[in-house]
Amino acid sequence: MSKFTKSLLLSAAATGVAALLLRQLDLDAARPDPDPGFPGPNPDDIAEEDVEMLLNELASQL
């Protein structure tokens, strides 16, 4: 076998082993929950004056 083929096979094997290890570690489980339990603002509860102010601010930025 040529050096290139051996290197390719070794690289593929190392990639497979790394993928198996990462799957077993399940690194996603260690991440904190992005939702701390606080509900976001309800769009139906925003006052009409606030909506008008936000729209005016948006229009001034454009």
PDB file of N, CA and C in Angstrom:
ATOM      1  N   MET A   1       0.826  -1.180   0.000  1.00  0.00           N
ATOM      2  CA  MET A   1       0.000   0.000   0.000  1.00  0.00           C
ATOM      3  C   MET A   1       0.870   1.244   0.000  1.00  0.00           C
ATOM      4  N   SER A   2       0.374   2.208  -0.675  1.00  0.00           N
ATOM      5  CA  SER A   2       1.141   3.451  -0.715  1.00  0.00           C
ATOM      6  C   SER A   2       0.935   4.229   0.583  1.00  0.00           C
ATOM      7  N   LYS A   3       1.785   5.198   0.813  1.00  0.00           N
ATOM      8  CA  LYS A   3       1.682   6.019   2.015  1.00  0.00           C
ATOM      9  C   LYS A   3       0.361   6.775   2.052  1.00  0.00           C
ATOM     10  N   PHE A   4      -0.075   7.212   0.891  1.00  0.00           N
ATOM     11  CA  PHE A   4      -1.325   7.973   0.820  1.00  0.00           C
ATOM     12  C   PHE A   4      -2.509   7.111   1.268  1.00  0.00           C
ATOM     13  N   THR A   5      -2.565   5.875   0.808  1.00  0.00           N
ATOM     14  CA  THR A   5      -3.664   4.983   1.154  1.00  0.00           C
ATOM     15  C   THR A   5      -3.646   4.653   2.641  1.00  0.00           C
ATOM     16  N   LYS A   6      -2.451   4.397   3.178  1.00  0.00           N
ATOM     17  CA  LYS A   6      -2.336   4.118   4.605  1.00  0.00           C
ATOM     18  C   LYS A   6      -2.779   5.324   5.430  1.00  0.00           C
ATOM     19  N   SER A   7      -2.368   6.494   5.004  1.00  0.00           N
ATOM     20  CA  SER A   7      -2.760   7.713   5.721  1.00  0.00           C
ATOM     21  C   SER A   7      -4.265   7.923   5.661  1.00  0.00           C
ATOM     22  N   LEU A   8      -4.856   7.642   4.507  1.00  0.00           N
ATOM     23  CA  LEU A   8      -6.293   7.791   4.336  1.00  0.00           C
ATOM     24  C   LEU A   8      -7.050   6.818   5.244  1.00  0.00           C
ATOM     25  N   LEU A   9      -6.617   5.576   5.307  1.00  0.00           N
ATOM     26  CA  LEU A   9      -7.258   4.584   6.164  1.00  0.00           C
ATOM     27  C   LEU A   9      -7.105   4.926   7.646  1.00  0.00           C
ATOM     28  N   LEU A  10      -5.918   5.384   8.025  1.00  0.00           N
ATOM     29  CA  LEU A  10      -5.680   5.771   9.409  1.00  0.00           C
ATOM     30  C   LEU A  10      -6.555   6.967   9.788  1.00  0.00           C
ATOM     31  N   SER A  11      -6.672   7.918   8.897  1.00  0.00           N
ATOM     32  CA  SER A  11      -7.505   9.086   9.147  1.00  0.00           C
ATOM     33  C   SER A  11      -8.978   8.700   9.283  1.00  0.00           C
ATOM     34  N   ALA A  12      -9.454   7.815   8.428  1.00  0.00           N
ATOM     35  CA  ALA A  12     -10.847   7.359   8.499  1.00  0.00           C
ATOM     36  C   ALA A  12     -11.098   6.618   9.806  1.00  0.00           C
ATOM     37  N   ALA A  13     -10.163   5.796  10.230  1.00  0.00           N
ATOM     38  CA  ALA A  13     -10.319   5.052  11.484  1.00  0.00           C
ATOM     39  C   ALA A  13     -10.341   6.011  12.676  1.00  0.00           C
ATOM     40  N   ALA A  14      -9.455   6.984  12.663  1.00  0.00           N
ATOM     41  CA  ALA A  14      -9.409   7.953  13.757  1.00  0.00           C
ATOM     42  C   ALA A  14     -10.694   8.781  13.802  1.00  0.00           C
ATOM     43  N   THR A  15     -11.224   9.131  12.654  1.00  0.00           N
ATOM     44  CA  THR A  15     -12.469   9.886  12.605  1.00  0.00           C
ATOM     45  C   THR A  15     -13.624   9.056  13.159  1.00  0.00           C
ATOM     46  N   GLY A  16     -13.669   7.793  12.812  1.00  0.00           N
ATOM     47  CA  GLY A  16     -14.716   6.914  13.321  1.00  0.00           C
ATOM     48  C   GLY A  16     -14.643   6.744  14.828  1.00  0.00           C
ATOM     49  N   VAL A  17     -13.445   6.561  15.347  1.00  0.00           N
ATOM     50  CA  VAL A  17     -13.269   6.416  16.793  1.00  0.00           C
ATOM     51  C   VAL A  17     -13.671   7.703  17.505  1.00  0.00           C
ATOM     52  N   ALA A  18     -13.274   8.845  16.965  1.00  0.00           N
ATOM     53  CA  ALA A  18     -13.635  10.121  17.573  1.00  0.00           C
ATOM     54  C   ALA A  18     -15.156  10.319  17.565  1.00  0.00           C
ATOM     55  N   ALA A  19     -15.818   9.937  16.490  1.00  0.00           N
ATOM     56  CA  ALA A  19     -17.272  10.073  16.411  1.00  0.00           C
ATOM     57  C   ALA A  19     -17.953   9.191  17.442  1.00  0.00           C
ATOM     58  N   LEU A  20     -17.468   7.973  17.619  1.00  0.00           N
ATOM     59  CA  LEU A  20     -18.051   7.083  18.621  1.00  0.00           C
ATOM     60  C   LEU A  20     -17.856   7.623  20.038  1.00  0.00           C
ATOM     61  N   LEU A  21     -16.679   8.149  20.320  1.00  0.00           N
ATOM     62  CA  LEU A  21     -16.417   8.704  21.647  1.00  0.00           C
ATOM     63  C   LEU A  21     -17.300   9.911  21.926  1.00  0.00           C
ATOM     64  N   LEU A  22     -17.445  10.794  20.941  1.00  0.00           N
ATOM     65  CA  LEU A  22     -18.284  11.973  21.133  1.00  0.00           C
ATOM     66  C   LEU A  22     -19.745  11.597  21.310  1.00  0.00           C
ATOM     67  N   ARG A  23     -20.185  10.569  20.623  1.00  0.00           N
ATOM     68  CA  ARG A  23     -21.573  10.120  20.776  1.00  0.00           C
ATOM     69  C   ARG A  23     -21.793   9.560  22.178  1.00  0.00           C
ATOM     70  N   GLN A  24     -20.795   8.846  22.705  1.00  0.00           N
ATOM     71  CA  GLN A  24     -20.935   8.284  24.047  1.00  0.00           C
ATOM     72  C   GLN A  24     -20.890   9.375  25.106  1.00  0.00           C
ATOM     73  N   LEU A  25     -20.100  10.400  24.884  1.00  0.00           N
ATOM     74  CA  LEU A  25     -20.004  11.482  25.861  1.00  0.00           C
ATOM     75  C   LEU A  25     -21.275  12.319  25.888  1.00  0.00           C
ATOM     76  N   ASP A  26     -21.963  12.413  24.752  1.00  0.00           N
ATOM     77  CA  ASP A  26     -23.192  13.186  24.617  1.00  0.00           C
ATOM     78  C   ASP A  26     -22.993  14.591  25.162  1.00  0.00           C
ATOM     79  N   LEU A  27     -22.162  15.345  24.482  1.00  0.00           N
ATOM     80  CA  LEU A  27     -21.819  16.689  24.936  1.00  0.00           C
ATOM     81  C   LEU A  27     -23.013  17.629  24.952  1.00  0.00           C
ATOM     82  N   ASP A  28     -24.071  17.335  24.212  1.00  0.00           N
ATOM     83  CA  ASP A  28     -25.246  18.185  24.226  1.00  0.00           C
ATOM     84  C   ASP A  28     -25.946  18.143  25.587  1.00  0.00           C
ATOM     85  N   ALA A  29     -25.833  17.047  26.291  1.00  0.00           N
ATOM     86  CA  ALA A  29     -26.489  16.917  27.584  1.00  0.00           C
ATOM     87  C   ALA A  29     -25.841  17.826  28.622  1.00  0.00           C
ATOM     88  N   ALA A  30     -24.598  18.211  28.437  1.00  0.00           N
ATOM     89  CA  ALA A  30     -23.895  19.044  29.405  1.00  0.00           C
ATOM     90  C   ALA A  30     -24.214  20.519  29.242  1.00  0.00           C
ATOM     91  N   ARG A  31     -24.835  20.885  28.140  1.00  0.00           N
ATOM     92  CA  ARG A  31     -25.153  22.299  27.912  1.00  0.00           C
ATOM     93  C   ARG A  31     -26.340  22.701  28.775  1.00  0.00           C
ATOM     94  N   PRO A  32     -26.313  23.934  29.292  1.00  0.00           N
ATOM     95  CA  PRO A  32     -27.449  24.387  30.102  1.00  0.00           C
ATOM     96  C   PRO A  32     -28.677  24.609  29.228  1.00  0.00           C
ATOM     97  N   ASP A  33     -29.826  24.511  29.848  1.00  0.00           N
ATOM     98  CA  ASP A  33     -31.086  24.721  29.153  1.00  0.00           C
ATOM     99  C   ASP A  33     -31.187  26.193  28.750  1.00  0.00           C
ATOM    100  N   PRO A  34     -31.386  26.502  27.465  1.00  0.00           N
ATOM    101  CA  PRO A  34     -31.448  27.900  27.049  1.00  0.00           C
ATOM    102  C   PRO A  34     -32.678  28.616  27.584  1.00  0.00           C
ATOM    103  N   ASP A  35     -33.721  27.881  27.964  1.00  0.00           N
ATOM    104  CA  ASP A  35     -34.931  28.492  28.499  1.00  0.00           C
ATOM    105  C   ASP A  35     -34.903  28.373  30.018  1.00  0.00           C
ATOM    106  N   PRO A  36     -34.640  29.471  30.722  1.00  0.00           N
ATOM    107  CA  PRO A  36     -34.549  29.378  32.183  1.00  0.00           C
ATOM    108  C   PRO A  36     -35.905  29.252  32.864  1.00  0.00           C
ATOM    109  N   GLY A  37     -36.972  29.153  32.101  1.00  0.00           N
ATOM    110  CA  GLY A  37     -38.283  28.997  32.689  1.00  0.00           C
ATOM    111  C   GLY A  37     -39.105  30.264  32.697  1.00  0.00           C
ATOM    112  N   PHE A  38     -38.537  31.376  32.251  1.00  0.00           N
ATOM    113  CA  PHE A  38     -39.272  32.627  32.197  1.00  0.00           C
ATOM    114  C   PHE A  38     -39.980  32.726  30.854  1.00  0.00           C
ATOM    115  N   PRO A  39     -41.278  32.976  30.880  1.00  0.00           N
ATOM    116  CA  PRO A  39     -41.976  33.105  29.593  1.00  0.00           C
ATOM    117  C   PRO A  39     -41.579  34.399  28.897  1.00  0.00           C
ATOM    118  N   GLY A  40     -41.539  34.348  27.618  1.00  0.00           N
ATOM    119  CA  GLY A  40     -41.229  35.540  26.842  1.00  0.00           C
ATOM    120  C   GLY A  40     -42.415  36.480  26.817  1.00  0.00           C
ATOM    121  N   PRO A  41     -42.213  37.672  26.277  1.00  0.00           N
ATOM    122  CA  PRO A  41     -43.329  38.614  26.223  1.00  0.00           C
ATOM    123  C   PRO A  41     -44.418  38.110  25.282  1.00  0.00           C
ATOM    124  N   ASN A  42     -45.633  38.274  25.712  1.00  0.00           N
ATOM    125  CA  ASN A  42     -46.770  37.868  24.907  1.00  0.00           C
ATOM    126  C   ASN A  42     -47.132  39.035  23.984  1.00  0.00           C
ATOM    127  N   PRO A  43     -47.095  38.840  22.670  1.00  0.00           N
ATOM    128  CA  PRO A  43     -47.389  39.949  21.757  1.00  0.00           C
ATOM    129  C   PRO A  43     -48.788  40.521  21.948  1.00  0.00           C
ATOM    130  N   ASP A  44     -49.710  39.735  22.456  1.00  0.00           N
ATOM    131  CA  ASP A  44     -51.075  40.231  22.661  1.00  0.00           C
ATOM    132  C   ASP A  44     -51.183  41.140  23.878  1.00  0.00           C
ATOM    133  N   ASP A  45     -50.189  41.116  24.762  1.00  0.00           N
ATOM    134  CA  ASP A  45     -50.237  41.932  25.977  1.00  0.00           C
ATOM    135  C   ASP A  45     -49.546  43.280  25.823  1.00  0.00           C
ATOM    136  N   ILE A  46     -49.024  43.589  24.654  1.00  0.00           N
ATOM    137  CA  ILE A  46     -48.321  44.855  24.441  1.00  0.00           C
ATOM    138  C   ILE A  46     -49.353  45.946  24.188  1.00  0.00           C
ATOM    139  N   ALA A  47     -49.191  47.067  24.868  1.00  0.00           N
ATOM    140  CA  ALA A  47     -50.123  48.184  24.723  1.00  0.00           C
ATOM    141  C   ALA A  47     -50.002  48.795  23.324  1.00  0.00           C
ATOM    142  N   GLU A  48     -51.111  49.348  22.849  1.00  0.00           N
ATOM    143  CA  GLU A  48     -51.140  49.960  21.515  1.00  0.00           C
ATOM    144  C   GLU A  48     -50.139  51.100  21.404  1.00  0.00           C
ATOM    145  N   GLU A  49     -49.966  51.867  22.492  1.00  0.00           N
ATOM    146  CA  GLU A  49     -49.016  52.988  22.475  1.00  0.00           C
ATOM    147  C   GLU A  49     -47.586  52.474  22.295  1.00  0.00           C
ATOM    148  N   ASP A  50     -47.279  51.356  22.937  1.00  0.00           N
ATOM    149  CA  ASP A  50     -45.948  50.774  22.809  1.00  0.00           C
ATOM    150  C   ASP A  50     -45.706  50.257  21.395  1.00  0.00           C
ATOM    151  N   VAL A  51     -46.734  49.669  20.797  1.00  0.00           N
ATOM    152  CA  VAL A  51     -46.610  49.179  19.429  1.00  0.00           C
ATOM    153  C   VAL A  51     -46.361  50.347  18.485  1.00  0.00           C
ATOM    154  N   GLU A  52     -47.111  51.433  18.675  1.00  0.00           N
ATOM    155  CA  GLU A  52     -46.929  52.608  17.817  1.00  0.00           C
ATOM    156  C   GLU A  52     -45.536  53.199  17.988  1.00  0.00           C
ATOM    157  N   MET A  53     -45.055  53.268  19.235  1.00  0.00           N
ATOM    158  CA  MET A  53     -43.718  53.797  19.498  1.00  0.00           C
ATOM    159  C   MET A  53     -42.653  52.918  18.837  1.00  0.00           C
ATOM    160  N   LEU A  54     -42.805  51.587  18.943  1.00  0.00           N
ATOM    161  CA  LEU A  54     -41.838  50.678  18.329  1.00  0.00           C
ATOM    162  C   LEU A  54     -41.839  50.802  16.808  1.00  0.00           C
ATOM    163  N   LEU A  55     -43.015  50.935  16.230  1.00  0.00           N
ATOM    164  CA  LEU A  55     -43.103  51.101  14.774  1.00  0.00           C
ATOM    165  C   LEU A  55     -42.479  52.405  14.324  1.00  0.00           C
ATOM    166  N   ASN A  56     -42.685  53.474  15.089  1.00  0.00           N
ATOM    167  CA  ASN A  56     -42.074  54.767  14.752  1.00  0.00           C
ATOM    168  C   ASN A  56     -40.556  54.685  14.867  1.00  0.00           C
ATOM    169  N   GLU A  57     -40.076  54.012  15.881  1.00  0.00           N
ATOM    170  CA  GLU A  57     -38.621  53.843  16.047  1.00  0.00           C
ATOM    171  C   GLU A  57     -38.039  53.032  14.897  1.00  0.00           C
ATOM    172  N   LEU A  58     -38.739  51.984  14.513  1.00  0.00           N
ATOM    173  CA  LEU A  58     -38.294  51.177  13.393  1.00  0.00           C
ATOM    174  C   LEU A  58     -38.280  51.990  12.106  1.00  0.00           C
ATOM    175  N   ALA A  59     -39.317  52.771  11.883  1.00  0.00           N
ATOM    176  CA  ALA A  59     -39.387  53.603  10.669  1.00  0.00           C
ATOM    177  C   ALA A  59     -38.278  54.646  10.659  1.00  0.00           C
ATOM    178  N   SER A  60     -37.923  55.196  11.818  1.00  0.00           N
ATOM    179  CA  SER A  60     -36.846  56.189  11.850  1.00  0.00           C
ATOM    180  C   SER A  60     -35.491  55.562  11.570  1.00  0.00           C
ATOM    181  N   GLN A  61     -35.341  54.274  11.910  1.00  0.00           N
ATOM    182  CA  GLN A  61     -34.081  53.586  11.643  1.00  0.00           C
ATOM    183  C   GLN A  61     -33.929  53.230  10.166  1.00  0.00           C
ATOM    184  N   LEU A  62     -35.044  53.077   9.491  1.00  0.00           N
ATOM    185  CA  LEU A  62     -34.993  52.724   8.071  1.00  0.00           C
ATOM    186  C   LEU A  62     -34.765  53.965   7.281  1.00  0.00           C
TER     187      LEU A  62
END
